[in-house]
Amino acid sequence: MGVIFGEICLFGSGYAGLANCKVFFVGVTLDTFYYFYQEENMALNFETVGKVWGPYEFSYDERDLIIYALGIGYGKEALEYVYEGAKDFKAFPTYGVILPSNAGAEAFLSTKANFAMVVHGEQALQMHNPLPRKATVLTTAVIEGIYDKGSGALIVMRFDSKDKKGTPICSNWVGAFVRGAGGFGGTAQPKKDVPAIPQGNPDFVFDAPTEVNQAALYRMSGDRNPLHIDPAIAQAVGFKEPILHGLCTYGVVGRRFVKEIFQGDSGKLKSYSARFSNPVIPGQSLQAKVWQPRAGLYLLEVFNAKGEAVLRNGVIESR
């Protein structure tokens, strides 16, 4: 998510695989490295469920779209995404995950979740209309639910973004897992109406390489969590080197999916959801496996060279 307020980076790394880390929220430099650690989880505030926060205003233009496109791996071969003078210049749809960048802090703080125990586990994006090439958007935030997962609690936040005329642009869902906060009972998380991955080989397989400098560029789209750039910070939280933003991995895979499955037509992307399951190191090559159980529906799993899943439970719908 990359929501930044003060010196707290909310959902900066985007990996459920960070569950063994003792520290998640960090400051901007090692000298101001904040642990935001509590010895025990505080009781979650369930009264915040359903409350609407905002709207929050966020503006972007062609420059922002180009920086994002470069950050997820586009180059001069795709002028429609990296050159504002191209006749068909447009936003790549996963830029929609950037729109709520300033909209999550108040809502999430209201849950009283322990920062040190939180990981960004899931992301979902639904496109309602194409992203304008520049706009000022208004985004509302709501805690859609807090669910008991036994070993922890899952906080689901929904963000709805509209232009100033009220035209819906996109909706985002962020699943934040709070380790050690489960056991309170309550209603179960609604099940998604998605079929299981079919037995047998995938219908499509394609590579999704990342670049060694990808995190350094992607952070210019707003998520400046030093975990993704500063080796000292990365080592302090248990990594040998900085890791790639979860939402960058999400964007890289989305770009390759559009190229391989939609033959480059990004307008076909209706929705895209996935669970972050392991970190990616910039420069690693990934492999995506895709099953198509029915027309317009694709199930996605993405693996690193070791065979470890980095994205699971991926679902993409087409128009």
Protein backbone atom coordinates (compact mmCIF):
# COMPACT_ATOMS: atom_id res chain seq x y z
CA MET A 1 0.00 0.00 0.00
CA GLY A 2 2.80 2.35 0.84
CA VAL A 3 0.76 4.77 2.95
CA ILE A 4 3.26 7.10 4.60
CA PHE A 5 2.42 9.40 7.50
CA GLY A 6 5.04 11.09 9.63
CA GLU A 7 7.80 8.54 9.97
CA ILE A 8 5.54 5.50 9.82
CA CYS A 9 5.33 3.46 6.63
CA LEU A 10 2.04 1.57 6.55
CA PHE A 11 1.98 -1.70 4.59
CA GLY A 12 5.33 -0.72 3.06
CA SER A 13 6.71 -4.13 2.25
CA GLY A 14 3.59 -5.99 1.31
CA TYR A 15 4.49 -9.57 2.16
CA ALA A 16 2.77 -12.13 4.31
CA GLY A 17 6.20 -13.77 4.28
CA LEU A 18 7.37 -11.13 6.77
CA ALA A 19 5.55 -13.02 9.52
CA ASN A 20 8.85 -13.92 11.20
CA CYS A 21 10.09 -10.34 11.30
CA LYS A 22 10.11 -8.65 14.69
CA VAL A 23 9.85 -5.20 13.14
CA PHE A 24 7.62 -4.02 10.34
CA PHE A 25 7.15 -0.27 10.61
CA VAL A 26 10.33 1.70 10.24
CA GLY A 27 11.54 5.27 10.09
CA VAL A 28 13.22 6.97 7.20
CA THR A 29 16.86 6.44 8.15
CA LEU A 30 18.75 4.08 10.41
CA ASP A 31 19.37 6.94 12.84
CA THR A 32 15.61 7.37 13.19
CA PHE A 33 14.76 3.68 13.05
CA TYR A 34 11.54 3.28 14.99
CA TYR A 35 10.29 -0.05 16.24
CA PHE A 36 6.72 0.89 17.24
CA TYR A 37 6.79 -2.30 19.27
CA GLN A 38 4.29 -3.27 21.96
CA GLU A 39 4.88 -6.24 24.23
CA GLU A 40 1.31 -7.41 23.67
CA ASN A 41 -1.45 -6.76 21.18
CA MET A 42 -3.99 -4.25 22.39
CA ALA A 43 -7.65 -5.14 22.08
CA LEU A 44 -8.80 -4.35 18.58
CA ASN A 45 -11.44 -1.68 18.18
CA PHE A 46 -14.35 -3.39 16.43
CA GLU A 47 -16.51 -0.26 16.63
CA THR A 48 -14.55 1.19 13.75
CA VAL A 49 -15.92 -1.44 11.33
CA GLY A 50 -18.21 0.20 8.78
CA LYS A 51 -17.14 3.78 9.51
CA VAL A 52 -16.30 5.79 6.40
CA TRP A 53 -13.24 8.03 6.43
CA GLY A 54 -12.52 10.82 3.99
CA PRO A 55 -12.78 11.69 1.19
CA TYR A 56 -9.07 12.28 0.71
CA GLU A 57 -7.82 14.19 -2.33
CA PHE A 58 -5.01 12.81 -4.50
CA SER A 59 -3.73 14.31 -7.74
CA TYR A 60 -1.55 12.81 -10.46
CA ASP A 61 -0.51 13.63 -13.99
CA GLU A 62 1.27 12.09 -16.99
CA ARG A 63 4.64 12.24 -15.24
CA ASP A 64 3.36 10.12 -12.37
CA LEU A 65 1.91 7.56 -14.77
CA ILE A 66 5.21 7.33 -16.65
CA ILE A 67 7.26 6.89 -13.46
CA TYR A 68 4.91 4.11 -12.36
CA ALA A 69 5.08 2.38 -15.74
CA LEU A 70 8.87 2.50 -15.69
CA GLY A 71 8.79 1.18 -12.12
CA ILE A 72 6.90 -1.97 -13.13
CA GLY A 73 9.20 -2.65 -16.06
CA TYR A 74 7.88 -0.84 -19.12
CA GLY A 75 10.39 0.85 -21.43
CA LYS A 76 10.62 2.53 -24.81
CA GLU A 77 9.00 -0.51 -26.47
CA ALA A 78 5.71 0.60 -24.86
CA LEU A 79 5.40 4.29 -25.72
CA GLU A 80 1.71 4.26 -24.86
CA TYR A 81 2.72 4.04 -21.19
CA VAL A 82 6.03 5.94 -21.06
CA TYR A 83 5.65 8.81 -23.55
CA GLU A 84 3.04 11.51 -23.01
CA GLY A 85 3.23 12.44 -26.70
CA ALA A 86 2.09 9.03 -27.90
CA LYS A 87 -1.30 9.11 -29.63
CA ASP A 88 -2.54 6.26 -27.45
CA PHE A 89 -0.88 7.37 -24.18
CA LYS A 90 -2.71 5.94 -21.18
CA ALA A 91 -2.37 4.77 -17.60
CA PHE A 92 -1.61 1.14 -16.92
CA PRO A 93 -4.60 -0.01 -14.81
CA THR A 94 -2.62 -1.19 -11.79
CA TYR A 95 -1.69 2.45 -11.16
CA GLY A 96 -5.07 2.31 -9.44
CA VAL A 97 -3.37 0.85 -6.34
CA ILE A 98 -1.56 4.18 -5.93
CA LEU A 99 -4.72 6.31 -5.69
CA PRO A 100 -5.43 5.55 -1.99
CA SER A 101 -1.84 6.38 -0.98
CA ASN A 102 -2.93 9.09 1.46
CA ALA A 103 -6.25 7.57 2.48
CA GLY A 104 -5.47 4.71 4.87
CA ALA A 105 -3.77 6.12 7.94
CA GLU A 106 -6.72 7.39 10.00
CA ALA A 107 -8.89 4.35 9.33
CA PHE A 108 -6.14 1.89 10.16
CA LEU A 109 -5.06 3.71 13.31
CA SER A 110 -8.66 3.57 14.53
CA THR A 111 -8.43 -0.25 14.78
CA LYS A 112 -5.71 0.02 17.48
CA ALA A 113 -3.76 -2.77 15.79
CA ASN A 114 -0.18 -3.28 16.96
CA PHE A 115 2.02 -1.89 14.17
CA ALA A 116 4.86 -4.26 14.95
CA MET A 117 2.64 -7.28 14.28
CA VAL A 118 1.09 -6.18 10.97
CA VAL A 119 1.87 -7.43 7.47
CA HIS A 120 0.23 -6.51 4.18
CA GLY A 121 -1.16 -9.87 3.17
CA GLU A 122 -3.54 -9.30 0.28
CA GLN A 123 -4.37 -6.75 -2.40
CA ALA A 124 -7.34 -6.52 -4.72
CA LEU A 125 -8.12 -3.95 -7.40
CA GLN A 126 -11.35 -3.53 -9.34
CA MET A 127 -11.49 -1.11 -12.25
CA HIS A 128 -14.78 0.72 -12.82
CA ASN A 129 -13.59 3.07 -15.55
CA PRO A 130 -10.26 3.73 -17.27
CA LEU A 131 -7.84 5.93 -15.35
CA PRO A 132 -7.68 9.44 -16.85
CA ARG A 133 -4.23 10.56 -18.02
CA LYS A 134 -4.32 13.17 -15.26
CA ALA A 135 -6.85 13.77 -12.51
CA THR A 136 -7.64 14.80 -9.00
CA VAL A 137 -9.43 11.92 -7.32
CA LEU A 138 -11.35 11.62 -4.08
CA THR A 139 -10.96 8.41 -2.09
CA THR A 140 -12.96 7.17 0.87
CA ALA A 141 -11.73 4.47 3.25
CA VAL A 142 -13.73 2.00 5.30
CA ILE A 143 -12.81 -0.88 7.57
CA GLU A 144 -14.90 -3.54 5.86
CA GLY A 145 -14.29 -6.20 8.47
CA ILE A 146 -12.03 -7.56 11.21
CA TYR A 147 -11.91 -11.35 11.10
CA ASP A 148 -10.54 -13.95 13.50
CA LYS A 149 -7.94 -16.14 11.80
CA GLY A 150 -6.87 -18.02 14.91
CA SER A 151 -3.19 -17.06 14.94
CA GLY A 152 -4.09 -13.48 14.13
CA ALA A 153 -6.70 -11.05 12.91
CA LEU A 154 -7.35 -9.99 9.33
CA ILE A 155 -8.32 -6.35 8.87
CA VAL A 156 -9.90 -5.70 5.47
CA MET A 157 -9.90 -2.10 4.29
CA ARG A 158 -11.77 -0.90 1.22
CA PHE A 159 -10.92 2.25 -0.74
CA ASP A 160 -13.26 3.74 -3.34
CA SER A 161 -11.83 6.35 -5.70
CA LYS A 162 -13.88 8.74 -7.83
CA ASP A 163 -13.10 11.78 -9.93
CA LYS A 164 -14.38 15.19 -8.88
CA LYS A 165 -17.52 14.70 -10.96
CA GLY A 166 -18.35 11.58 -8.94
CA THR A 167 -17.49 9.08 -11.67
CA PRO A 168 -16.16 5.86 -10.08
CA ILE A 169 -12.61 5.01 -11.15
CA CYS A 170 -11.57 2.02 -9.05
CA SER A 171 -11.86 0.22 -5.74
CA ASN A 172 -9.03 -1.31 -3.73
CA TRP A 173 -9.15 -3.86 -0.94
CA VAL A 174 -6.17 -4.28 1.39
CA GLY A 175 -5.91 -7.25 3.74
CA ALA A 176 -3.70 -6.51 6.77
CA PHE A 177 -2.85 -9.49 8.95
CA VAL A 178 -2.21 -8.71 12.64
CA ARG A 179 -0.15 -11.54 14.11
CA GLY A 180 -1.15 -12.71 17.57
CA ALA A 181 -4.45 -10.79 17.61
CA GLY A 182 -6.79 -13.73 16.92
CA GLY A 183 -8.95 -15.81 19.23
CA PHE A 184 -11.74 -13.29 19.71
CA GLY A 185 -14.41 -15.15 17.73
CA GLY A 186 -16.83 -13.12 15.69
CA THR A 187 -18.13 -13.53 12.20
CA ALA A 188 -16.16 -15.47 9.60
CA GLN A 189 -14.67 -13.75 6.59
CA PRO A 190 -17.03 -14.09 3.63
CA LYS A 191 -15.81 -16.71 1.18
CA LYS A 192 -14.93 -15.65 -2.32
CA ASP A 193 -16.85 -17.25 -5.16
CA VAL A 194 -13.73 -18.48 -6.94
CA PRO A 195 -13.12 -22.04 -8.11
CA ALA A 196 -10.10 -23.99 -6.92
CA ILE A 197 -7.12 -24.29 -9.23
CA PRO A 198 -7.86 -27.20 -11.58
CA GLN A 199 -5.83 -30.38 -11.48
CA GLY A 200 -3.21 -30.71 -14.18
CA ASN A 201 -0.91 -28.37 -15.98
CA PRO A 202 -1.62 -24.63 -16.22
CA ASP A 203 -3.10 -23.22 -19.40
CA PHE A 204 -0.43 -20.52 -19.62
CA VAL A 205 3.10 -20.16 -18.28
CA PHE A 206 5.25 -17.05 -18.68
CA ASP A 207 8.31 -15.44 -17.12
CA ALA A 208 8.15 -12.18 -15.18
CA PRO A 209 11.72 -10.97 -14.64
CA THR A 210 12.53 -8.13 -12.26
CA GLU A 211 15.45 -5.70 -12.55
CA VAL A 212 18.17 -5.05 -9.98
CA ASN A 213 17.24 -1.35 -9.79
CA GLN A 214 13.50 -1.91 -9.85
CA ALA A 215 12.84 -1.04 -6.20
CA ALA A 216 14.93 2.13 -6.48
CA LEU A 217 12.67 3.31 -9.30
CA TYR A 218 9.34 1.99 -8.03
CA ARG A 219 9.72 3.85 -4.73
CA MET A 220 9.36 7.10 -6.71
CA SER A 221 5.65 6.25 -7.02
CA GLY A 222 5.22 7.01 -3.32
CA ASP A 223 6.25 4.02 -1.18
CA ARG A 224 9.58 5.19 0.22
CA ASN A 225 9.85 2.61 2.97
CA PRO A 226 13.64 2.26 3.42
CA LEU A 227 13.25 -1.52 3.68
CA HIS A 228 13.32 -1.47 -0.13
CA ILE A 229 16.46 0.65 -0.61
CA ASP A 230 18.63 0.79 2.53
CA PRO A 231 20.75 -2.34 3.17
CA ALA A 232 21.21 -1.44 6.84
CA ILE A 233 17.46 -1.23 7.39
CA ALA A 234 16.87 -4.48 5.51
CA GLN A 235 19.50 -6.28 7.59
CA ALA A 236 18.06 -4.85 10.80
CA VAL A 237 14.75 -6.61 10.12
CA GLY A 238 16.32 -9.89 9.07
CA PHE A 239 16.93 -9.63 5.32
CA LYS A 240 20.32 -9.92 3.64
CA GLU A 241 19.43 -7.09 1.29
CA PRO A 242 16.52 -4.78 0.41
CA ILE A 243 13.43 -6.50 -0.95
CA LEU A 244 11.08 -5.48 -3.74
CA HIS A 245 7.81 -3.76 -2.90
CA GLY A 246 4.93 -6.23 -2.89
CA LEU A 247 2.91 -3.90 -5.08
CA CYS A 248 5.81 -3.66 -7.51
CA THR A 249 5.79 -7.46 -7.87
CA TYR A 250 2.01 -7.19 -8.30
CA GLY A 251 2.50 -4.60 -11.07
CA VAL A 252 5.30 -6.50 -12.83
CA VAL A 253 3.18 -9.65 -12.97
CA GLY A 254 0.16 -7.63 -14.11
CA ARG A 255 2.20 -6.10 -16.94
CA ARG A 256 3.42 -9.49 -18.12
CA PHE A 257 -0.07 -10.99 -17.82
CA VAL A 258 -1.53 -8.27 -20.02
CA LYS A 259 1.22 -8.85 -22.60
CA GLU A 260 0.93 -12.64 -22.68
CA ILE A 261 -2.77 -13.28 -22.08
CA PHE A 262 -4.49 -10.09 -23.27
CA GLN A 263 -2.05 -9.54 -26.16
CA GLY A 264 -1.18 -6.13 -24.74
CA ASP A 265 -4.74 -4.83 -24.34
CA SER A 266 -4.73 -3.48 -20.77
CA GLY A 267 -8.32 -2.30 -21.16
CA LYS A 268 -9.40 -5.92 -20.71
CA LEU A 269 -8.26 -5.93 -17.07
CA LYS A 270 -11.39 -5.76 -14.94
CA SER A 271 -10.06 -6.92 -11.58
CA TYR A 272 -6.87 -8.34 -10.09
CA SER A 273 -6.32 -9.79 -6.63
CA ALA A 274 -3.47 -11.71 -5.02
CA ARG A 275 -1.92 -12.76 -1.72
CA PHE A 276 1.70 -11.85 -1.01
CA SER A 277 3.42 -14.99 0.22
CA ASN A 278 7.21 -14.48 -0.03
CA PRO A 279 9.57 -11.55 -0.63
CA VAL A 280 11.20 -10.92 -4.00
CA ILE A 281 14.75 -9.63 -4.33
CA PRO A 282 15.19 -7.09 -7.15
CA GLY A 283 16.77 -8.87 -10.10
CA GLN A 284 15.09 -12.21 -9.47
CA SER A 285 13.23 -13.84 -12.34
CA LEU A 286 9.74 -15.08 -11.59
CA GLN A 287 7.50 -17.57 -13.35
CA ALA A 288 3.73 -17.22 -13.51
CA LYS A 289 1.35 -20.14 -13.93
CA VAL A 290 -2.20 -19.37 -15.07
CA TRP A 291 -5.31 -21.54 -15.23
CA GLN A 292 -8.50 -20.48 -17.02
CA PRO A 293 -11.44 -22.38 -15.51
CA ARG A 294 -13.98 -20.42 -17.56
CA ALA A 295 -14.22 -17.53 -19.97
CA GLY A 296 -13.11 -14.24 -18.44
CA LEU A 297 -11.62 -15.78 -15.28
CA TYR A 298 -7.95 -16.57 -14.66
CA LEU A 299 -6.30 -18.13 -11.60
CA LEU A 300 -2.70 -17.14 -10.97
CA GLU A 301 0.28 -18.42 -8.96
CA VAL A 302 3.77 -16.89 -9.21
CA PHE A 303 7.02 -18.58 -8.17
CA ASN A 304 10.68 -17.66 -7.81
CA ALA A 305 13.56 -19.74 -9.18
CA LYS A 306 13.59 -21.88 -6.00
CA GLY A 307 9.98 -22.89 -6.59
CA GLU A 308 8.71 -20.76 -3.69
CA ALA A 309 5.41 -19.00 -4.27
CA VAL A 310 5.64 -15.20 -4.13
CA LEU A 311 2.01 -14.57 -5.16
CA ARG A 312 -0.80 -16.97 -4.33
CA ASN A 313 -4.57 -17.01 -4.72
CA GLY A 314 -4.27 -14.74 -7.72
CA VAL A 315 -7.51 -13.99 -9.55
CA ILE A 316 -7.81 -11.85 -12.67
CA GLU A 317 -11.11 -11.07 -14.40
CA SER A 318 -11.34 -9.75 -17.94
CA ARG A 319 -13.92 -7.59 -19.66
